[in-house]
Amino acid sequence: MVEDTFDIGGDLTVNRLGFGAMRLTGDDIIGRPDDEAEARAVLERAVELGVDFVDTADSYGPGVSERIIGETLSPDDAVVATKAGLLRNRDGEWLPHGGPDFVRNQVLCSLDRLGVDTIDLYQLHTPDVDGPFEDVVQTFAELKDDGLVEHVGLSNVDVEQLDRARDVVDVATVQNEYNVGNREHEDVLEACEEADIGFIPYFPIGGGDLGEKADVLEDVAGDREATARQVALSWLLHHSDVTIPIPGTSSVEHLEENVGAADVELSEDELARLSE
């Protein structure tokens, strides 16, 4: 039986199929979206469909995704997770940048854009930051102690980095790239399972390209009267009880398709075929 919810940090209960808000921006994740009304409509429809976990970052836009979420949703609508530690320049490059002073400044910016007093889940976007990793994690711990952050998460880490961070602060979630076609971080997922840490797989449908899994996805989708995207998301929900997939889109139609994945049941045989 697939669990419908997960308790982030033991006390923030969310439906396990969330929403990734990276695409609520302009082209190449830079600037404002061409149709801001549609971006707001996507968020509003997500909440209507029961999505109550939204993931974003200060670098999406930059600042654009956070601002749209803050202007569209109320704090009671959803648990909102954001990140700091990675910049997006006008050339489309992702640049690690997250020394303690930078993070302390960025959390204030994120609080302002989101319109909240406390960030539900604040994640270090990458461990490749300015200064020692433990120092930056310690800064996140201090933000939690100061009441600016309720829970701390990590992104793009390996098991050794997760262990080092847990020596400094309680880690509520880990967000790494992971999907049915890319299981490079299976060991990180297993570590999260052992510690009851939420695992947020980004690119949960591989940006639409799931390579060698495409054929079996299509076969299972045909048998289930679903789409391949829905089967890929359903596999993540079945594969581990700690996963919180965050498919993202700027389209209400695609959002509705993604959310429908929560109703797709997979048999043991289908799971085995997808997991080979």
C-alpha atoms as a PDB file:
ATOM      1  CA  MET A   1       0.000   0.000   0.000  1.00  0.00           C
ATOM      2  CA  VAL A   2       1.352   3.413  -0.983  1.00  0.00           C
ATOM      3  CA  GLU A   3       1.447   6.009   1.794  1.00  0.00           C
ATOM      4  CA  ASP A   4      -0.405   9.187   0.801  1.00  0.00           C
ATOM      5  CA  THR A   5       1.485  11.556   3.104  1.00  0.00           C
ATOM      6  CA  PHE A   6       4.894  12.153   4.640  1.00  0.00           C
ATOM      7  CA  ASP A   7       5.763  14.013   7.837  1.00  0.00           C
ATOM      8  CA  ILE A   8       8.619  16.407   7.028  1.00  0.00           C
ATOM      9  CA  GLY A   9      10.768  16.741  10.118  1.00  0.00           C
ATOM     10  CA  GLY A  10       8.237  14.601  11.933  1.00  0.00           C
ATOM     11  CA  ASP A  11       5.584  17.308  12.139  1.00  0.00           C
ATOM     12  CA  LEU A  12       4.873  18.917   8.748  1.00  0.00           C
ATOM     13  CA  THR A  13       2.440  16.488   7.115  1.00  0.00           C
ATOM     14  CA  VAL A  14       2.215  16.886   3.335  1.00  0.00           C
ATOM     15  CA  ASN A  15       0.680  14.939   0.481  1.00  0.00           C
ATOM     16  CA  ARG A  16       3.532  13.081  -1.159  1.00  0.00           C
ATOM     17  CA  LEU A  17       3.005  14.442  -4.661  1.00  0.00           C
ATOM     18  CA  GLY A  18       4.219  18.032  -4.523  1.00  0.00           C
ATOM     19  CA  PHE A  19       4.880  20.797  -7.042  1.00  0.00           C
ATOM     20  CA  GLY A  20       8.183  22.188  -8.260  1.00  0.00           C
ATOM     21  CA  ALA A  21       7.918  25.888  -9.011  1.00  0.00           C
ATOM     22  CA  MET A  22      11.118  26.365 -11.021  1.00  0.00           C
ATOM     23  CA  ARG A  23       9.174  26.839 -14.277  1.00  0.00           C
ATOM     24  CA  LEU A  24       7.080  29.729 -12.960  1.00  0.00           C
ATOM     25  CA  THR A  25       9.693  32.054 -14.461  1.00  0.00           C
ATOM     26  CA  GLY A  26      10.843  33.277 -17.849  1.00  0.00           C
ATOM     27  CA  ASP A  27      12.790  31.353 -20.453  1.00  0.00           C
ATOM     28  CA  ASP A  28      15.867  29.539 -19.142  1.00  0.00           C
ATOM     29  CA  ILE A  29      14.641  30.143 -15.558  1.00  0.00           C
ATOM     30  CA  ILE A  30      15.447  33.864 -15.881  1.00  0.00           C
ATOM     31  CA  GLY A  31      13.056  36.798 -15.415  1.00  0.00           C
ATOM     32  CA  ARG A  32       9.294  36.876 -15.125  1.00  0.00           C
ATOM     33  CA  PRO A  33       7.062  34.404 -17.015  1.00  0.00           C
ATOM     34  CA  ASP A  34       5.463  35.524 -20.272  1.00  0.00           C
ATOM     35  CA  ASP A  35       2.021  34.811 -18.811  1.00  0.00           C
ATOM     36  CA  GLU A  36       2.056  35.600 -15.115  1.00  0.00           C
ATOM     37  CA  ALA A  37      -1.687  35.024 -14.807  1.00  0.00           C
ATOM     38  CA  GLU A  38      -1.179  31.447 -16.013  1.00  0.00           C
ATOM     39  CA  ALA A  39       1.630  30.958 -13.483  1.00  0.00           C
ATOM     40  CA  ARG A  40      -0.700  32.044 -10.699  1.00  0.00           C
ATOM     41  CA  ALA A  41      -3.463  29.838 -12.071  1.00  0.00           C
ATOM     42  CA  VAL A  42      -1.141  26.823 -11.929  1.00  0.00           C
ATOM     43  CA  LEU A  43      -0.441  27.445  -8.234  1.00  0.00           C
ATOM     44  CA  GLU A  44      -4.103  28.010  -7.434  1.00  0.00           C
ATOM     45  CA  ARG A  45      -5.156  24.868  -9.299  1.00  0.00           C
ATOM     46  CA  ALA A  46      -2.447  22.843  -7.567  1.00  0.00           C
ATOM     47  CA  VAL A  47      -3.882  23.764  -4.173  1.00  0.00           C
ATOM     48  CA  GLU A  48      -7.408  22.968  -5.402  1.00  0.00           C
ATOM     49  CA  LEU A  49      -6.185  19.494  -6.392  1.00  0.00           C
ATOM     50  CA  GLY A  50      -4.754  18.847  -2.939  1.00  0.00           C
ATOM     51  CA  VAL A  51      -1.103  19.687  -3.562  1.00  0.00           C
ATOM     52  CA  ASP A  52       0.170  21.135  -0.295  1.00  0.00           C
ATOM     53  CA  PHE A  53       3.949  21.052  -0.788  1.00  0.00           C
ATOM     54  CA  VAL A  54       5.612  23.588  -3.100  1.00  0.00           C
ATOM     55  CA  ASP A  55       9.349  23.701  -3.762  1.00  0.00           C
ATOM     56  CA  THR A  56      11.238  26.716  -5.090  1.00  0.00           C
ATOM     57  CA  ALA A  57      14.598  28.528  -4.717  1.00  0.00           C
ATOM     58  CA  ASP A  58      15.903  32.071  -4.521  1.00  0.00           C
ATOM     59  CA  SER A  59      17.804  31.461  -7.791  1.00  0.00           C
ATOM     60  CA  TYR A  60      14.670  30.741  -9.847  1.00  0.00           C
ATOM     61  CA  GLY A  61      14.195  33.992 -11.694  1.00  0.00           C
ATOM     62  CA  PRO A  62      16.168  34.926  -9.586  1.00  0.00           C
ATOM     63  CA  GLY A  63      13.573  35.753  -6.930  1.00  0.00           C
ATOM     64  CA  VAL A  64      10.691  35.522  -9.406  1.00  0.00           C
ATOM     65  CA  SER A  65       9.300  32.128  -8.391  1.00  0.00           C
ATOM     66  CA  GLU A  66       9.374  33.007  -4.694  1.00  0.00           C
ATOM     67  CA  ARG A  67       7.642  36.315  -5.332  1.00  0.00           C
ATOM     68  CA  ILE A  68       4.828  34.744  -7.371  1.00  0.00           C
ATOM     69  CA  ILE A  69       4.270  32.099  -4.702  1.00  0.00           C
ATOM     70  CA  GLY A  70       4.177  34.744  -1.970  1.00  0.00           C
ATOM     71  CA  GLU A  71       1.697  36.859  -3.900  1.00  0.00           C
ATOM     72  CA  THR A  72      -0.550  33.927  -4.864  1.00  0.00           C
ATOM     73  CA  LEU A  73      -0.666  31.536  -1.929  1.00  0.00           C
ATOM     74  CA  SER A  74      -1.383  32.125   1.720  1.00  0.00           C
ATOM     75  CA  PRO A  75       0.791  30.439   4.374  1.00  0.00           C
ATOM     76  CA  ASP A  76      -2.116  28.078   5.106  1.00  0.00           C
ATOM     77  CA  ASP A  77      -2.342  26.853   1.514  1.00  0.00           C
ATOM     78  CA  ALA A  78       0.843  24.809   1.402  1.00  0.00           C
ATOM     79  CA  VAL A  79       4.164  23.988   2.999  1.00  0.00           C
ATOM     80  CA  VAL A  80       6.705  25.990   1.014  1.00  0.00           C
ATOM     81  CA  ALA A  81      10.318  24.919   0.689  1.00  0.00           C
ATOM     82  CA  THR A  82      12.986  27.171  -0.758  1.00  0.00           C
ATOM     83  CA  LYS A  83      16.747  27.065  -1.163  1.00  0.00           C
ATOM     84  CA  ALA A  84      19.893  29.190  -1.046  1.00  0.00           C
ATOM     85  CA  GLY A  85      23.436  28.602  -2.208  1.00  0.00           C
ATOM     86  CA  LEU A  86      23.208  28.662  -5.989  1.00  0.00           C
ATOM     87  CA  LEU A  87      23.079  31.668  -8.295  1.00  0.00           C
ATOM     88  CA  ARG A  88      21.707  31.889 -11.836  1.00  0.00           C
ATOM     89  CA  ASN A  89      23.444  34.409 -14.072  1.00  0.00           C
ATOM     90  CA  ARG A  90      22.162  36.010 -17.267  1.00  0.00           C
ATOM     91  CA  ASP A  91      24.127  33.510 -19.348  1.00  0.00           C
ATOM     92  CA  GLY A  92      22.126  30.686 -17.787  1.00  0.00           C
ATOM     93  CA  GLU A  93      24.998  29.345 -15.679  1.00  0.00           C
ATOM     94  CA  TRP A  94      24.399  27.899 -12.200  1.00  0.00           C
ATOM     95  CA  LEU A  95      27.063  29.294  -9.879  1.00  0.00           C
ATOM     96  CA  PRO A  96      27.595  27.899  -6.349  1.00  0.00           C
ATOM     97  CA  HIS A  97      27.663  30.747  -3.847  1.00  0.00           C
ATOM     98  CA  GLY A  98      26.679  30.290  -0.254  1.00  0.00           C
ATOM     99  CA  GLY A  99      28.986  31.472   2.460  1.00  0.00           C
ATOM    100  CA  PRO A 100      27.415  32.101   5.880  1.00  0.00           C
ATOM    101  CA  ASP A 101      26.997  35.859   5.359  1.00  0.00           C
ATOM    102  CA  PHE A 102      25.362  35.320   1.975  1.00  0.00           C
ATOM    103  CA  VAL A 103      22.914  32.769   3.384  1.00  0.00           C
ATOM    104  CA  ARG A 104      21.958  35.084   6.261  1.00  0.00           C
ATOM    105  CA  ASN A 105      21.161  37.798   3.713  1.00  0.00           C
ATOM    106  CA  GLN A 106      19.313  35.475   1.360  1.00  0.00           C
ATOM    107  CA  VAL A 107      17.000  34.074   4.016  1.00  0.00           C
ATOM    108  CA  LEU A 108      15.759  37.614   4.674  1.00  0.00           C
ATOM    109  CA  CYS A 109      15.122  38.115   0.962  1.00  0.00           C
ATOM    110  CA  SER A 110      13.227  34.817   0.746  1.00  0.00           C
ATOM    111  CA  LEU A 111      11.124  35.625   3.814  1.00  0.00           C
ATOM    112  CA  ASP A 112      10.171  38.951   2.247  1.00  0.00           C
ATOM    113  CA  ARG A 113       9.287  37.497  -1.155  1.00  0.00           C
ATOM    114  CA  LEU A 114       7.272  34.643   0.342  1.00  0.00           C
ATOM    115  CA  GLY A 115       5.528  36.983   2.769  1.00  0.00           C
ATOM    116  CA  VAL A 116       6.137  34.803   5.816  1.00  0.00           C
ATOM    117  CA  ASP A 117       7.866  35.103   9.182  1.00  0.00           C
ATOM    118  CA  THR A 118       9.284  31.581   9.088  1.00  0.00           C
ATOM    119  CA  ILE A 119      10.309  29.423   6.130  1.00  0.00           C
ATOM    120  CA  ASP A 120       8.821  25.932   6.425  1.00  0.00           C
ATOM    121  CA  LEU A 121      11.809  24.152   4.866  1.00  0.00           C
ATOM    122  CA  TYR A 122      15.068  25.909   3.989  1.00  0.00           C
ATOM    123  CA  GLN A 123      17.483  23.901   1.875  1.00  0.00           C
ATOM    124  CA  LEU A 124      21.155  24.294   1.060  1.00  0.00           C
ATOM    125  CA  HIS A 125      21.040  24.173  -2.745  1.00  0.00           C
ATOM    126  CA  THR A 126      24.522  22.685  -3.180  1.00  0.00           C
ATOM    127  CA  PRO A 127      27.388  21.704  -0.881  1.00  0.00           C
ATOM    128  CA  ASP A 128      29.882  23.379  -3.241  1.00  0.00           C
ATOM    129  CA  VAL A 129      29.722  26.711  -1.466  1.00  0.00           C
ATOM    130  CA  ASP A 130      32.184  29.370  -0.336  1.00  0.00           C
ATOM    131  CA  GLY A 131      33.895  28.200   2.825  1.00  0.00           C
ATOM    132  CA  PRO A 132      33.763  24.909   4.739  1.00  0.00           C
ATOM    133  CA  PHE A 133      30.582  22.843   4.257  1.00  0.00           C
ATOM    134  CA  GLU A 134      30.035  22.487   8.014  1.00  0.00           C
ATOM    135  CA  ASP A 135      30.189  26.267   8.487  1.00  0.00           C
ATOM    136  CA  VAL A 136      27.378  26.829   6.020  1.00  0.00           C
ATOM    137  CA  VAL A 137      25.298  24.021   7.540  1.00  0.00           C
ATOM    138  CA  GLN A 138      25.908  25.608  10.947  1.00  0.00           C
ATOM    139  CA  THR A 139      24.473  28.842   9.566  1.00  0.00           C
ATOM    140  CA  PHE A 140      21.298  26.989   8.552  1.00  0.00           C
ATOM    141  CA  ALA A 141      21.158  25.530  12.059  1.00  0.00           C
ATOM    142  CA  GLU A 142      21.435  29.029  13.548  1.00  0.00           C
ATOM    143  CA  LEU A 143      18.632  30.285  11.297  1.00  0.00           C
ATOM    144  CA  LYS A 144      16.503  27.467  12.679  1.00  0.00           C
ATOM    145  CA  ASP A 145      17.441  28.352  16.255  1.00  0.00           C
ATOM    146  CA  ASP A 146      16.524  31.981  15.530  1.00  0.00           C
ATOM    147  CA  GLY A 147      13.056  30.962  14.347  1.00  0.00           C
ATOM    148  CA  LEU A 148      13.559  32.112  10.760  1.00  0.00           C
ATOM    149  CA  VAL A 149      13.511  28.515   9.519  1.00  0.00           C
ATOM    150  CA  GLU A 150      11.370  25.644  10.783  1.00  0.00           C
ATOM    151  CA  HIS A 151      13.243  22.760   9.146  1.00  0.00           C
ATOM    152  CA  VAL A 152      16.567  22.385   7.326  1.00  0.00           C
ATOM    153  CA  GLY A 153      17.127  20.413   4.133  1.00  0.00           C
ATOM    154  CA  LEU A 154      20.001  19.649   1.782  1.00  0.00           C
ATOM    155  CA  SER A 155      20.233  19.304  -1.984  1.00  0.00           C
ATOM    156  CA  ASN A 156      22.723  17.648  -4.326  1.00  0.00           C
ATOM    157  CA  VAL A 157      24.582  15.807  -1.556  1.00  0.00           C
ATOM    158  CA  ASP A 158      26.097  12.363  -1.200  1.00  0.00           C
ATOM    159  CA  VAL A 159      25.795  10.065   1.814  1.00  0.00           C
ATOM    160  CA  GLU A 160      29.034  11.286   3.388  1.00  0.00           C
ATOM    161  CA  GLN A 161      27.919  14.921   3.173  1.00  0.00           C
ATOM    162  CA  LEU A 162      24.517  14.010   4.590  1.00  0.00           C
ATOM    163  CA  ASP A 163      26.203  12.336   7.573  1.00  0.00           C
ATOM    164  CA  ARG A 164      28.465  15.346   8.146  1.00  0.00           C
ATOM    165  CA  ALA A 165      25.492  17.710   8.048  1.00  0.00           C
ATOM    166  CA  ARG A 166      23.509  15.554  10.483  1.00  0.00           C
ATOM    167  CA  ASP A 167      26.311  16.010  13.010  1.00  0.00           C
ATOM    168  CA  VAL A 168      25.473  19.733  12.928  1.00  0.00           C
ATOM    169  CA  VAL A 169      21.686  19.948  12.502  1.00  0.00           C
ATOM    170  CA  ASP A 170      18.602  17.769  12.171  1.00  0.00           C
ATOM    171  CA  VAL A 171      18.167  17.245   8.426  1.00  0.00           C
ATOM    172  CA  ALA A 172      14.504  16.970   7.430  1.00  0.00           C
ATOM    173  CA  THR A 173      14.885  16.372   3.692  1.00  0.00           C
ATOM    174  CA  VAL A 174      17.356  15.698   0.906  1.00  0.00           C
ATOM    175  CA  GLN A 175      16.665  16.828  -2.644  1.00  0.00           C
ATOM    176  CA  ASN A 176      18.682  15.079  -5.375  1.00  0.00           C
ATOM    177  CA  GLU A 177      18.088  14.257  -9.029  1.00  0.00           C
ATOM    178  CA  TYR A 178      16.367  10.886  -9.190  1.00  0.00           C
ATOM    179  CA  ASN A 179      13.822   9.138 -11.399  1.00  0.00           C
ATOM    180  CA  VAL A 180      12.996   5.752 -12.880  1.00  0.00           C
ATOM    181  CA  GLY A 181      15.714   6.225 -15.491  1.00  0.00           C
ATOM    182  CA  ASN A 182      18.380   7.779 -13.236  1.00  0.00           C
ATOM    183  CA  ARG A 183      19.080   6.110  -9.909  1.00  0.00           C
ATOM    184  CA  GLU A 184      22.574   7.394  -9.314  1.00  0.00           C
ATOM    185  CA  HIS A 185      21.596   8.477  -5.807  1.00  0.00           C
ATOM    186  CA  GLU A 186      19.951   5.230  -4.692  1.00  0.00           C
ATOM    187  CA  ASP A 187      22.392   5.077  -1.774  1.00  0.00           C
ATOM    188  CA  VAL A 188      21.276   8.533  -0.619  1.00  0.00           C
ATOM    189  CA  LEU A 189      17.640   7.447  -0.822  1.00  0.00           C
ATOM    190  CA  GLU A 190      18.449   4.371   1.267  1.00  0.00           C
ATOM    191  CA  ALA A 191      20.169   6.550   3.877  1.00  0.00           C
ATOM    192  CA  CYS A 192      17.092   8.748   4.013  1.00  0.00           C
ATOM    193  CA  GLU A 193      14.851   5.721   4.461  1.00  0.00           C
ATOM    194  CA  GLU A 194      16.945   4.527   7.407  1.00  0.00           C
ATOM    195  CA  ALA A 195      16.730   7.933   9.107  1.00  0.00           C
ATOM    196  CA  ASP A 196      13.117   8.757   8.106  1.00  0.00           C
ATOM    197  CA  ILE A 197      14.350  11.770   6.148  1.00  0.00           C
ATOM    198  CA  GLY A 198      12.197  12.958   3.263  1.00  0.00           C
ATOM    199  CA  PHE A 199      13.739  12.403  -0.174  1.00  0.00           C
ATOM    200  CA  ILE A 200      12.655  14.966  -2.780  1.00  0.00           C
ATOM    201  CA  PRO A 201      13.533  13.674  -6.262  1.00  0.00           C
ATOM    202  CA  TYR A 202      13.972  16.563  -8.675  1.00  0.00           C
ATOM    203  CA  PHE A 203      13.584  15.974 -12.415  1.00  0.00           C
ATOM    204  CA  PRO A 204      11.187  13.171 -11.359  1.00  0.00           C
ATOM    205  CA  ILE A 205      10.235  12.537 -14.972  1.00  0.00           C
ATOM    206  CA  GLY A 206      13.689  13.269 -16.338  1.00  0.00           C
ATOM    207  CA  GLY A 207      12.656  16.418 -18.137  1.00  0.00           C
ATOM    208  CA  GLY A 208      10.444  14.193 -20.304  1.00  0.00           C
ATOM    209  CA  ASP A 209      13.379  12.005 -21.391  1.00  0.00           C
ATOM    210  CA  LEU A 210      13.642   8.731 -19.491  1.00  0.00           C
ATOM    211  CA  GLY A 211      15.881   7.009 -22.017  1.00  0.00           C
ATOM    212  CA  GLU A 212      15.929   3.240 -21.889  1.00  0.00           C
ATOM    213  CA  LYS A 213      12.876   3.163 -19.621  1.00  0.00           C
ATOM    214  CA  ALA A 214      10.692   4.849 -22.260  1.00  0.00           C
ATOM    215  CA  ASP A 215       9.405   1.620 -23.832  1.00  0.00           C
ATOM    216  CA  VAL A 216       8.411  -0.109 -20.607  1.00  0.00           C
ATOM    217  CA  LEU A 217       6.824   3.100 -19.354  1.00  0.00           C
ATOM    218  CA  GLU A 218       4.720   3.284 -22.500  1.00  0.00           C
ATOM    219  CA  ASP A 219       3.745  -0.394 -22.153  1.00  0.00           C
ATOM    220  CA  VAL A 220       2.665  -0.002 -18.531  1.00  0.00           C
ATOM    221  CA  ALA A 221       0.919   3.278 -19.316  1.00  0.00           C
ATOM    222  CA  GLY A 222      -1.124   1.567 -22.032  1.00  0.00           C
ATOM    223  CA  ASP A 223      -2.180  -1.200 -19.667  1.00  0.00           C
ATOM    224  CA  ARG A 224      -3.119   1.310 -16.976  1.00  0.00           C
ATOM    225  CA  GLU A 225      -4.835   3.822 -19.291  1.00  0.00           C
ATOM    226  CA  ALA A 226      -2.408   6.414 -18.028  1.00  0.00           C
ATOM    227  CA  THR A 227       0.416   8.460 -19.514  1.00  0.00           C
ATOM    228  CA  ALA A 228       4.090   7.546 -19.333  1.00  0.00           C
ATOM    229  CA  ARG A 229       4.666  10.646 -17.175  1.00  0.00           C
ATOM    230  CA  GLN A 230       2.044   9.467 -14.708  1.00  0.00           C
ATOM    231  CA  VAL A 231       3.577   5.995 -14.517  1.00  0.00           C
ATOM    232  CA  ALA A 232       7.043   7.482 -13.898  1.00  0.00           C
ATOM    233  CA  LEU A 233       5.665   9.540 -11.016  1.00  0.00           C
ATOM    234  CA  SER A 234       3.658   6.640  -9.651  1.00  0.00           C
ATOM    235  CA  TRP A 235       6.811   4.491  -9.665  1.00  0.00           C
ATOM    236  CA  LEU A 236       8.513   7.052  -7.411  1.00  0.00           C
ATOM    237  CA  LEU A 237       5.604   6.951  -4.963  1.00  0.00           C
ATOM    238  CA  HIS A 238       5.621   3.139  -4.920  1.00  0.00           C
ATOM    239  CA  HIS A 239       9.405   2.765  -4.808  1.00  0.00           C
ATOM    240  CA  SER A 240       9.879   4.331  -1.361  1.00  0.00           C
ATOM    241  CA  ASP A 241       7.612   5.744   1.334  1.00  0.00           C
ATOM    242  CA  VAL A 242       9.957   8.704   1.946  1.00  0.00           C
ATOM    243  CA  THR A 243       9.869  10.119  -1.605  1.00  0.00           C
ATOM    244  CA  ILE A 244       8.119  13.433  -2.260  1.00  0.00           C
ATOM    245  CA  PRO A 245       8.208  13.949  -6.045  1.00  0.00           C
ATOM    246  CA  ILE A 246       7.923  17.562  -7.218  1.00  0.00           C
ATOM    247  CA  PRO A 247       6.994  17.572 -10.916  1.00  0.00           C
ATOM    248  CA  GLY A 248       7.000  21.114 -12.240  1.00  0.00           C
ATOM    249  CA  THR A 249       5.137  22.786 -15.063  1.00  0.00           C
ATOM    250  CA  SER A 250       3.850  26.152 -16.212  1.00  0.00           C
ATOM    251  CA  SER A 251       0.682  24.578 -17.640  1.00  0.00           C
ATOM    252  CA  VAL A 252      -2.550  23.803 -15.791  1.00  0.00           C
ATOM    253  CA  GLU A 253      -3.176  20.914 -18.186  1.00  0.00           C
ATOM    254  CA  HIS A 254       0.183  19.289 -17.418  1.00  0.00           C
ATOM    255  CA  LEU A 255      -0.328  19.953 -13.707  1.00  0.00           C
ATOM    256  CA  GLU A 256      -3.620  18.058 -13.742  1.00  0.00           C
ATOM    257  CA  GLU A 257      -1.974  15.177 -15.585  1.00  0.00           C
ATOM    258  CA  ASN A 258       0.862  15.045 -13.049  1.00  0.00           C
ATOM    259  CA  VAL A 259      -1.436  15.104 -10.037  1.00  0.00           C
ATOM    260  CA  GLY A 260      -3.404  12.227 -11.569  1.00  0.00           C
ATOM    261  CA  ALA A 261      -0.330  10.052 -11.068  1.00  0.00           C
ATOM    262  CA  ALA A 262      -1.265   9.665  -7.399  1.00  0.00           C
ATOM    263  CA  ASP A 263      -4.243   7.530  -8.505  1.00  0.00           C
ATOM    264  CA  VAL A 264      -2.197   5.181 -10.708  1.00  0.00           C
ATOM    265  CA  GLU A 265      -1.710   1.831  -8.993  1.00  0.00           C
ATOM    266  CA  LEU A 266       1.162  -0.390 -10.102  1.00  0.00           C
ATOM    267  CA  SER A 267       1.375  -4.154  -9.656  1.00  0.00           C
ATOM    268  CA  GLU A 268       4.409  -5.967  -8.269  1.00  0.00           C
ATOM    269  CA  ASP A 269       5.181  -7.214 -11.761  1.00  0.00           C
ATOM    270  CA  GLU A 270       4.993  -3.705 -13.229  1.00  0.00           C
ATOM    271  CA  LEU A 271       7.201  -2.327 -10.476  1.00  0.00           C
ATOM    272  CA  ALA A 272       9.733  -5.069 -11.119  1.00  0.00           C
ATOM    273  CA  ARG A 273       9.782  -4.347 -14.848  1.00  0.00           C
ATOM    274  CA  LEU A 274      10.262  -0.632 -14.224  1.00  0.00           C
ATOM    275  CA  SER A 275      12.952  -1.265 -11.604  1.00  0.00           C
ATOM    276  CA  GLU A 276      15.111  -3.628 -13.682  1.00  0.00           C
END
